[in-house]
């Protein structure tokens, strides 16, 4: 599943603070046109990852990043715009298509919770997938795929590289 020119990174987070910090560091390396696909069970930490991404993108720390489960899309302003989508409540693929996701691509960072519900593959932009596996109440195994091998983010991580 690894693409040529990209690599996977698997890390163990031992706390919410570590998960947030991991996402913050990733957010600092983003260029501004990436799509972040977040996959993991309920309560795994997908929204926490988006909050960390927002911090790394320079979103005002007074801004409360929350899951857009009912609004479907939240928009946060940082050094680039962060579009935060949540597909949890959507069960019909047509509802997802009607969101107009294609209109957002290339105009900022697009972070999508419950990305496994997408009825199509996103093309034409850099896609980074984040899989969050719950190990226990505090620990998460986080696998990030689609990173460039020379990424500043990978260079700053000291363990868990594939």
N, C-alpha and C. Protein backbone atom coordinates (compact mmCIF):
# COMPACT_ATOMS: atom_id res chain seq x y z
N UNK A 1 0.83 -1.20 0.00
CA UNK A 1 0.00 0.00 0.00
C UNK A 1 0.87 1.26 0.00
N UNK A 2 2.17 1.09 0.12
CA UNK A 2 3.06 2.24 0.13
C UNK A 2 3.29 2.72 -1.31
N UNK A 3 3.19 4.00 -1.53
CA UNK A 3 3.39 4.58 -2.84
C UNK A 3 4.86 4.90 -3.04
N UNK A 4 5.29 4.87 -4.28
CA UNK A 4 6.66 5.26 -4.59
C UNK A 4 6.83 6.72 -4.22
N UNK A 5 7.91 7.03 -3.52
CA UNK A 5 8.15 8.41 -3.13
C UNK A 5 7.50 8.80 -1.83
N UNK A 6 6.84 7.86 -1.17
CA UNK A 6 6.26 8.16 0.13
C UNK A 6 6.62 7.03 1.08
N UNK A 7 6.39 7.26 2.37
CA UNK A 7 6.70 6.22 3.34
C UNK A 7 5.69 6.25 4.47
N UNK A 8 5.72 5.19 5.25
CA UNK A 8 4.84 5.07 6.42
C UNK A 8 5.66 5.28 7.67
N UNK A 9 5.02 5.83 8.67
CA UNK A 9 5.65 6.04 9.97
C UNK A 9 4.66 5.57 11.02
N UNK A 10 5.10 4.67 11.90
CA UNK A 10 4.24 4.18 12.98
C UNK A 10 4.86 4.58 14.31
N UNK A 11 4.03 5.21 15.15
CA UNK A 11 4.49 5.70 16.45
C UNK A 11 3.51 5.26 17.53
N UNK A 12 4.00 5.17 18.74
CA UNK A 12 3.15 4.89 19.89
C UNK A 12 2.99 6.16 20.70
N UNK A 13 1.74 6.58 20.90
CA UNK A 13 1.45 7.73 21.75
C UNK A 13 0.99 7.20 23.10
N UNK A 14 1.56 7.74 24.15
CA UNK A 14 1.23 7.28 25.50
C UNK A 14 0.30 8.23 26.24
N UNK A 15 -0.13 9.31 25.57
CA UNK A 15 -1.03 10.26 26.24
C UNK A 15 -1.68 11.17 25.20
N UNK A 16 -2.72 11.87 25.63
CA UNK A 16 -3.35 12.86 24.75
C UNK A 16 -2.36 13.95 24.39
N UNK A 17 -1.51 14.32 25.33
CA UNK A 17 -0.52 15.38 25.08
C UNK A 17 0.46 14.95 23.99
N UNK A 18 0.89 13.69 24.02
CA UNK A 18 1.81 13.19 22.99
C UNK A 18 1.13 13.17 21.62
N UNK A 19 -0.14 12.75 21.60
CA UNK A 19 -0.88 12.72 20.34
C UNK A 19 -1.02 14.13 19.78
N UNK A 20 -1.39 15.08 20.63
CA UNK A 20 -1.53 16.47 20.21
C UNK A 20 -0.20 16.99 19.66
N UNK A 21 0.89 16.72 20.37
CA UNK A 21 2.21 17.21 19.97
C UNK A 21 2.65 16.60 18.64
N UNK A 22 2.38 15.34 18.44
CA UNK A 22 2.68 14.68 17.17
C UNK A 22 1.96 15.40 16.02
N UNK A 23 0.68 15.66 16.21
CA UNK A 23 -0.11 16.34 15.18
C UNK A 23 0.35 17.78 14.98
N UNK A 24 0.73 18.46 16.07
CA UNK A 24 1.22 19.84 15.96
C UNK A 24 2.47 19.87 15.09
N UNK A 25 3.39 18.94 15.34
CA UNK A 25 4.62 18.89 14.54
C UNK A 25 4.32 18.60 13.07
N UNK A 26 3.37 17.70 12.83
CA UNK A 26 2.97 17.42 11.45
C UNK A 26 2.39 18.68 10.81
N UNK A 27 1.52 19.38 11.53
CA UNK A 27 0.91 20.60 11.02
C UNK A 27 1.94 21.64 10.62
N UNK A 28 3.04 21.73 11.35
CA UNK A 28 4.09 22.70 11.03
C UNK A 28 4.76 22.40 9.69
N UNK A 29 4.73 21.14 9.26
CA UNK A 29 5.41 20.76 8.03
C UNK A 29 4.51 20.82 6.80
N UNK A 30 3.21 20.98 7.00
CA UNK A 30 2.28 20.97 5.87
C UNK A 30 2.45 22.21 5.01
N UNK A 31 2.31 22.01 3.71
CA UNK A 31 2.52 23.10 2.75
C UNK A 31 1.25 23.92 2.50
N UNK A 32 0.08 23.31 2.65
CA UNK A 32 -1.15 24.09 2.50
C UNK A 32 -2.16 23.53 1.53
N UNK A 33 -1.85 22.43 0.86
CA UNK A 33 -2.81 21.86 -0.08
C UNK A 33 -3.04 20.38 0.17
N UNK A 34 -2.65 19.88 1.33
CA UNK A 34 -2.77 18.46 1.63
C UNK A 34 -4.18 18.11 2.12
N UNK A 35 -4.51 16.83 1.92
CA UNK A 35 -5.72 16.26 2.49
C UNK A 35 -5.27 15.24 3.52
N UNK A 36 -5.80 15.37 4.74
CA UNK A 36 -5.46 14.47 5.84
C UNK A 36 -6.67 13.58 6.09
N UNK A 37 -6.52 12.28 5.87
CA UNK A 37 -7.60 11.33 6.08
C UNK A 37 -7.38 10.67 7.44
N UNK A 38 -8.33 10.85 8.35
CA UNK A 38 -8.22 10.32 9.71
C UNK A 38 -9.15 9.12 9.87
N UNK A 39 -8.56 8.00 10.28
CA UNK A 39 -9.31 6.76 10.40
C UNK A 39 -9.04 6.16 11.78
N UNK A 40 -10.10 5.82 12.48
CA UNK A 40 -9.98 5.22 13.80
C UNK A 40 -11.35 5.14 14.46
N UNK A 41 -11.45 4.28 15.44
CA UNK A 41 -12.73 4.08 16.09
C UNK A 41 -13.16 5.32 16.89
N UNK A 42 -14.40 5.31 17.32
CA UNK A 42 -14.95 6.39 18.14
C UNK A 42 -14.09 6.55 19.39
N UNK A 43 -13.66 7.78 19.67
CA UNK A 43 -12.85 8.05 20.84
C UNK A 43 -11.36 7.78 20.67
N UNK A 44 -10.93 7.47 19.45
CA UNK A 44 -9.52 7.15 19.22
C UNK A 44 -8.61 8.37 19.32
N UNK A 45 -9.15 9.55 18.99
CA UNK A 45 -8.35 10.77 19.04
C UNK A 45 -8.26 11.51 17.73
N UNK A 46 -9.20 11.28 16.84
CA UNK A 46 -9.19 11.94 15.54
C UNK A 46 -9.33 13.46 15.69
N UNK A 47 -10.27 13.90 16.50
CA UNK A 47 -10.46 15.34 16.71
C UNK A 47 -9.26 15.95 17.42
N UNK A 48 -8.67 15.23 18.35
CA UNK A 48 -7.47 15.70 19.02
C UNK A 48 -6.34 15.89 18.00
N UNK A 49 -6.23 14.98 17.05
CA UNK A 49 -5.22 15.13 15.99
C UNK A 49 -5.47 16.40 15.18
N UNK A 50 -6.73 16.68 14.86
CA UNK A 50 -7.04 17.90 14.11
C UNK A 50 -6.71 19.13 14.94
N UNK A 51 -6.96 19.09 16.25
CA UNK A 51 -6.61 20.22 17.11
C UNK A 51 -5.10 20.45 17.08
N UNK A 52 -4.32 19.36 17.11
CA UNK A 52 -2.87 19.49 17.01
C UNK A 52 -2.43 20.04 15.67
N UNK A 53 -3.06 19.57 14.59
CA UNK A 53 -2.76 20.11 13.26
C UNK A 53 -3.03 21.61 13.23
N UNK A 54 -4.17 22.01 13.80
CA UNK A 54 -4.54 23.42 13.84
C UNK A 54 -3.47 24.23 14.58
N UNK A 55 -3.00 23.72 15.70
CA UNK A 55 -1.95 24.41 16.46
C UNK A 55 -0.69 24.55 15.61
N UNK A 56 -0.33 23.49 14.91
CA UNK A 56 0.85 23.52 14.05
C UNK A 56 0.71 24.46 12.87
N UNK A 57 -0.51 24.70 12.46
CA UNK A 57 -0.78 25.62 11.35
C UNK A 57 -0.94 27.06 11.84
N UNK A 58 -0.81 27.27 13.14
CA UNK A 58 -0.88 28.62 13.67
C UNK A 58 -2.27 29.15 13.93
N UNK A 59 -3.26 28.25 14.03
CA UNK A 59 -4.61 28.68 14.39
C UNK A 59 -4.54 29.25 15.81
N UNK A 60 -5.19 30.37 16.03
CA UNK A 60 -5.19 31.03 17.33
C UNK A 60 -5.49 30.03 18.44
N UNK A 61 -4.65 29.99 19.46
CA UNK A 61 -4.82 29.01 20.52
C UNK A 61 -6.10 29.22 21.32
N UNK A 62 -6.74 30.37 21.18
CA UNK A 62 -8.03 30.62 21.83
C UNK A 62 -9.17 29.95 21.07
N UNK A 63 -8.90 29.50 19.85
CA UNK A 63 -9.93 28.86 19.03
C UNK A 63 -10.14 27.44 19.51
N UNK A 64 -11.38 27.10 19.78
CA UNK A 64 -11.71 25.74 20.23
C UNK A 64 -11.96 24.87 19.01
N UNK A 65 -11.12 23.87 18.82
CA UNK A 65 -11.28 22.94 17.71
C UNK A 65 -12.17 21.80 18.20
N UNK A 66 -13.31 21.64 17.55
CA UNK A 66 -14.24 20.59 17.94
C UNK A 66 -14.70 19.82 16.71
N UNK A 67 -15.22 18.65 16.95
CA UNK A 67 -15.67 17.82 15.85
C UNK A 67 -16.91 18.44 15.19
N UNK A 68 -16.89 18.55 13.87
CA UNK A 68 -18.05 19.11 13.18
C UNK A 68 -19.10 18.03 12.86
N UNK A 69 -19.44 17.21 13.85
CA UNK A 69 -20.37 16.11 13.63
C UNK A 69 -21.73 16.58 13.13
N UNK A 70 -22.16 17.75 13.57
CA UNK A 70 -23.48 18.23 13.16
C UNK A 70 -23.40 19.33 12.11
N UNK A 71 -22.34 20.12 12.13
CA UNK A 71 -22.19 21.16 11.10
C UNK A 71 -21.53 20.61 9.85
N UNK A 72 -20.89 19.46 9.95
CA UNK A 72 -20.18 18.74 8.88
C UNK A 72 -18.84 19.35 8.49
N UNK A 73 -18.73 20.68 8.48
CA UNK A 73 -17.45 21.32 8.13
C UNK A 73 -17.21 22.50 9.08
N UNK A 74 -16.03 22.52 9.70
CA UNK A 74 -15.56 23.68 10.45
C UNK A 74 -14.37 24.27 9.70
N UNK A 75 -14.23 25.57 9.76
CA UNK A 75 -13.12 26.24 9.07
C UNK A 75 -12.32 27.02 10.11
N UNK A 76 -11.00 26.83 10.09
CA UNK A 76 -10.09 27.50 11.01
C UNK A 76 -9.03 28.25 10.21
N UNK A 77 -8.73 29.48 10.63
CA UNK A 77 -7.73 30.30 9.94
C UNK A 77 -6.40 30.25 10.68
N UNK A 78 -5.36 29.85 9.99
CA UNK A 78 -4.00 29.85 10.48
C UNK A 78 -3.13 30.40 9.36
N UNK A 79 -1.88 29.92 9.25
CA UNK A 79 -1.04 30.38 8.13
C UNK A 79 -1.63 29.93 6.80
N UNK A 80 -2.42 28.86 6.83
CA UNK A 80 -3.29 28.46 5.71
C UNK A 80 -4.63 28.06 6.33
N UNK A 81 -5.65 28.01 5.52
CA UNK A 81 -6.98 27.63 6.01
C UNK A 81 -7.01 26.13 6.27
N UNK A 82 -7.64 25.75 7.38
CA UNK A 82 -7.85 24.34 7.72
C UNK A 82 -9.35 24.07 7.65
N UNK A 83 -9.73 23.16 6.76
CA UNK A 83 -11.11 22.71 6.63
C UNK A 83 -11.21 21.37 7.36
N UNK A 84 -12.10 21.29 8.34
CA UNK A 84 -12.24 20.10 9.18
C UNK A 84 -13.62 19.49 8.91
N UNK A 85 -13.63 18.30 8.32
CA UNK A 85 -14.87 17.62 7.99
C UNK A 85 -15.03 16.38 8.85
N UNK A 86 -16.27 16.02 9.15
CA UNK A 86 -16.58 14.82 9.91
C UNK A 86 -17.69 14.07 9.18
N UNK A 87 -17.39 12.85 8.75
CA UNK A 87 -18.35 12.07 7.97
C UNK A 87 -19.13 11.08 8.83
N UNK A 88 -18.98 11.14 10.15
CA UNK A 88 -19.57 10.15 11.05
C UNK A 88 -21.07 9.97 10.85
N UNK A 89 -21.80 11.05 10.78
CA UNK A 89 -23.27 10.97 10.69
C UNK A 89 -23.78 10.65 9.29
N UNK A 90 -22.90 10.69 8.30
CA UNK A 90 -23.34 10.46 6.92
C UNK A 90 -23.26 8.98 6.58
N UNK A 91 -24.37 8.43 6.14
CA UNK A 91 -24.39 7.00 5.81
C UNK A 91 -24.57 6.76 4.32
N UNK A 92 -25.16 7.71 3.64
CA UNK A 92 -25.39 7.58 2.20
C UNK A 92 -24.23 8.22 1.44
N UNK A 93 -23.57 7.47 0.57
CA UNK A 93 -22.45 8.04 -0.19
C UNK A 93 -22.82 9.32 -0.94
N UNK A 94 -24.08 9.43 -1.34
CA UNK A 94 -24.53 10.63 -2.06
C UNK A 94 -24.45 11.88 -1.17
N UNK A 95 -24.70 11.71 0.14
CA UNK A 95 -24.58 12.83 1.08
C UNK A 95 -23.13 13.34 1.12
N UNK A 96 -22.19 12.42 1.06
CA UNK A 96 -20.78 12.79 1.08
C UNK A 96 -20.40 13.51 -0.20
N UNK A 97 -20.87 13.01 -1.32
CA UNK A 97 -20.61 13.66 -2.61
C UNK A 97 -21.19 15.07 -2.61
N UNK A 98 -22.37 15.25 -2.00
CA UNK A 98 -23.03 16.55 -1.96
C UNK A 98 -22.32 17.59 -1.09
N UNK A 99 -21.37 17.16 -0.27
CA UNK A 99 -20.62 18.11 0.57
C UNK A 99 -19.79 19.09 -0.27
N UNK A 100 -19.46 18.71 -1.49
CA UNK A 100 -18.64 19.59 -2.33
C UNK A 100 -17.17 19.59 -1.94
N UNK A 101 -16.70 18.47 -1.46
CA UNK A 101 -15.32 18.34 -1.03
C UNK A 101 -14.33 18.76 -2.12
N UNK A 102 -14.63 18.44 -3.35
CA UNK A 102 -13.73 18.79 -4.46
C UNK A 102 -13.47 20.28 -4.54
N UNK A 103 -14.43 21.09 -4.13
CA UNK A 103 -14.27 22.55 -4.17
C UNK A 103 -13.24 23.05 -3.16
N UNK A 104 -12.99 22.25 -2.11
CA UNK A 104 -12.03 22.65 -1.08
C UNK A 104 -10.60 22.25 -1.42
N UNK A 105 -10.45 21.23 -2.25
CA UNK A 105 -9.12 20.70 -2.56
C UNK A 105 -8.24 21.76 -3.20
N UNK A 106 -7.04 21.89 -2.64
CA UNK A 106 -6.08 22.86 -3.17
C UNK A 106 -6.22 24.25 -2.59
N UNK A 107 -7.21 24.47 -1.72
CA UNK A 107 -7.41 25.81 -1.17
C UNK A 107 -7.06 25.89 0.31
N UNK A 108 -6.39 24.88 0.82
CA UNK A 108 -6.00 24.81 2.22
C UNK A 108 -5.82 23.37 2.61
N UNK A 109 -5.64 23.14 3.89
CA UNK A 109 -5.54 21.78 4.41
C UNK A 109 -6.96 21.27 4.63
N UNK A 110 -7.25 20.07 4.18
CA UNK A 110 -8.56 19.45 4.40
C UNK A 110 -8.33 18.23 5.27
N UNK A 111 -8.88 18.24 6.49
CA UNK A 111 -8.77 17.12 7.42
C UNK A 111 -10.15 16.47 7.52
N UNK A 112 -10.19 15.15 7.25
CA UNK A 112 -11.47 14.44 7.20
C UNK A 112 -11.50 13.32 8.22
N UNK A 113 -12.37 13.47 9.23
CA UNK A 113 -12.58 12.38 10.19
C UNK A 113 -13.55 11.37 9.60
N UNK A 114 -13.37 10.10 9.95
CA UNK A 114 -14.15 8.99 9.42
C UNK A 114 -13.97 8.90 7.91
N UNK A 115 -12.73 9.08 7.48
CA UNK A 115 -12.41 9.11 6.05
C UNK A 115 -12.68 7.78 5.35
N UNK A 116 -12.78 6.70 6.11
CA UNK A 116 -13.08 5.41 5.49
C UNK A 116 -14.46 5.40 4.83
N UNK A 117 -15.30 6.40 5.15
CA UNK A 117 -16.63 6.49 4.54
C UNK A 117 -16.61 7.16 3.16
N UNK A 118 -15.47 7.74 2.78
CA UNK A 118 -15.41 8.39 1.47
C UNK A 118 -15.76 7.37 0.39
N UNK A 119 -16.69 7.72 -0.51
CA UNK A 119 -17.09 6.76 -1.55
C UNK A 119 -16.17 6.78 -2.78
N UNK A 120 -15.13 7.58 -2.73
CA UNK A 120 -14.21 7.68 -3.86
C UNK A 120 -12.82 8.03 -3.35
N UNK A 121 -11.82 7.80 -4.19
CA UNK A 121 -10.45 8.12 -3.84
C UNK A 121 -10.16 9.58 -4.22
N UNK A 122 -9.49 10.28 -3.34
CA UNK A 122 -9.14 11.68 -3.61
C UNK A 122 -7.87 11.70 -4.46
N UNK A 123 -7.93 12.45 -5.55
CA UNK A 123 -6.80 12.52 -6.48
C UNK A 123 -6.46 13.98 -6.78
N UNK A 124 -5.24 14.19 -7.23
CA UNK A 124 -4.83 15.51 -7.68
C UNK A 124 -4.19 16.37 -6.60
N UNK A 125 -4.19 15.90 -5.35
CA UNK A 125 -3.55 16.61 -4.25
C UNK A 125 -2.80 15.60 -3.39
N UNK A 126 -1.93 16.09 -2.53
CA UNK A 126 -1.17 15.25 -1.61
C UNK A 126 -2.12 14.71 -0.54
N UNK A 127 -2.17 13.39 -0.39
CA UNK A 127 -3.04 12.75 0.59
C UNK A 127 -2.18 12.08 1.66
N UNK A 128 -2.46 12.38 2.91
CA UNK A 128 -1.78 11.76 4.05
C UNK A 128 -2.86 11.04 4.86
N UNK A 129 -2.65 9.74 5.09
CA UNK A 129 -3.60 8.96 5.87
C UNK A 129 -3.05 8.74 7.27
N UNK A 130 -3.92 8.96 8.25
CA UNK A 130 -3.55 8.74 9.65
C UNK A 130 -4.51 7.70 10.23
N UNK A 131 -3.95 6.55 10.58
CA UNK A 131 -4.71 5.48 11.20
C UNK A 131 -4.41 5.51 12.70
N UNK A 132 -5.45 5.58 13.51
CA UNK A 132 -5.27 5.62 14.96
C UNK A 132 -5.90 4.36 15.56
N UNK A 133 -5.07 3.55 16.19
CA UNK A 133 -5.54 2.31 16.81
C UNK A 133 -5.48 2.46 18.33
N UNK A 134 -6.60 2.21 18.99
CA UNK A 134 -6.65 2.28 20.45
C UNK A 134 -6.01 1.02 21.01
N UNK A 135 -4.99 1.22 21.85
CA UNK A 135 -4.35 0.09 22.53
C UNK A 135 -4.96 -0.07 23.92
N UNK A 136 -5.08 1.03 24.62
CA UNK A 136 -5.77 1.05 25.92
C UNK A 136 -6.22 2.49 26.16
N UNK A 137 -6.69 2.79 27.35
CA UNK A 137 -7.25 4.11 27.64
C UNK A 137 -6.30 5.25 27.29
N UNK A 138 -5.00 5.05 27.50
CA UNK A 138 -4.03 6.12 27.28
C UNK A 138 -3.21 5.97 26.00
N UNK A 139 -3.01 4.76 25.54
CA UNK A 139 -2.08 4.54 24.43
C UNK A 139 -2.78 4.36 23.09
N UNK A 140 -2.12 4.94 22.06
CA UNK A 140 -2.60 4.82 20.69
C UNK A 140 -1.43 4.47 19.78
N UNK A 141 -1.67 3.56 18.83
CA UNK A 141 -0.70 3.30 17.78
C UNK A 141 -1.15 4.15 16.59
N UNK A 142 -0.27 5.03 16.16
CA UNK A 142 -0.61 5.96 15.09
C UNK A 142 0.28 5.67 13.90
N UNK A 143 -0.34 5.35 12.78
CA UNK A 143 0.40 5.09 11.55
C UNK A 143 0.04 6.19 10.55
N UNK A 144 1.06 6.84 10.05
CA UNK A 144 0.88 7.93 9.09
C UNK A 144 1.48 7.47 7.77
N UNK A 145 0.68 7.47 6.72
CA UNK A 145 1.18 7.08 5.40
C UNK A 145 1.03 8.23 4.43
N UNK A 146 1.88 8.23 3.43
CA UNK A 146 1.84 9.28 2.42
C UNK A 146 2.82 10.40 2.68
N UNK A 147 3.71 10.22 3.64
CA UNK A 147 4.72 11.24 3.94
C UNK A 147 5.88 11.12 2.96
N UNK A 148 6.48 12.24 2.64
CA UNK A 148 7.68 12.24 1.81
C UNK A 148 8.86 11.79 2.66
N UNK A 149 9.75 10.95 2.12
CA UNK A 149 10.89 10.47 2.91
C UNK A 149 11.77 11.60 3.45
N UNK A 150 11.86 12.70 2.73
CA UNK A 150 12.71 13.82 3.16
C UNK A 150 11.96 14.84 4.01
N UNK A 151 10.74 14.52 4.39
CA UNK A 151 9.91 15.44 5.18
C UNK A 151 10.59 15.84 6.48
N UNK A 152 10.47 17.12 6.84
CA UNK A 152 10.97 17.60 8.13
C UNK A 152 10.30 16.84 9.27
N UNK A 153 9.06 16.43 9.07
CA UNK A 153 8.34 15.70 10.11
C UNK A 153 9.03 14.37 10.39
N UNK A 154 9.36 13.63 9.35
CA UNK A 154 10.03 12.33 9.53
C UNK A 154 11.40 12.53 10.15
N UNK A 155 12.12 13.53 9.71
CA UNK A 155 13.44 13.81 10.26
C UNK A 155 13.40 14.11 11.74
N UNK A 156 12.28 14.64 12.23
CA UNK A 156 12.16 14.99 13.64
C UNK A 156 11.68 13.86 14.52
N UNK A 157 11.34 12.71 13.93
CA UNK A 157 10.88 11.55 14.70
C UNK A 157 12.04 10.59 14.85
N UNK A 158 12.23 10.06 16.04
CA UNK A 158 13.41 9.23 16.28
C UNK A 158 13.13 7.74 16.43
N UNK A 159 11.87 7.34 16.30
CA UNK A 159 11.60 5.90 16.39
C UNK A 159 10.35 5.55 15.63
N UNK A 160 10.24 4.25 15.31
CA UNK A 160 9.01 3.76 14.70
C UNK A 160 8.96 3.88 13.20
N UNK A 161 10.01 4.31 12.55
CA UNK A 161 9.99 4.42 11.09
C UNK A 161 9.93 3.05 10.46
N UNK A 162 9.19 2.94 9.35
CA UNK A 162 9.17 1.71 8.55
C UNK A 162 10.14 1.87 7.42
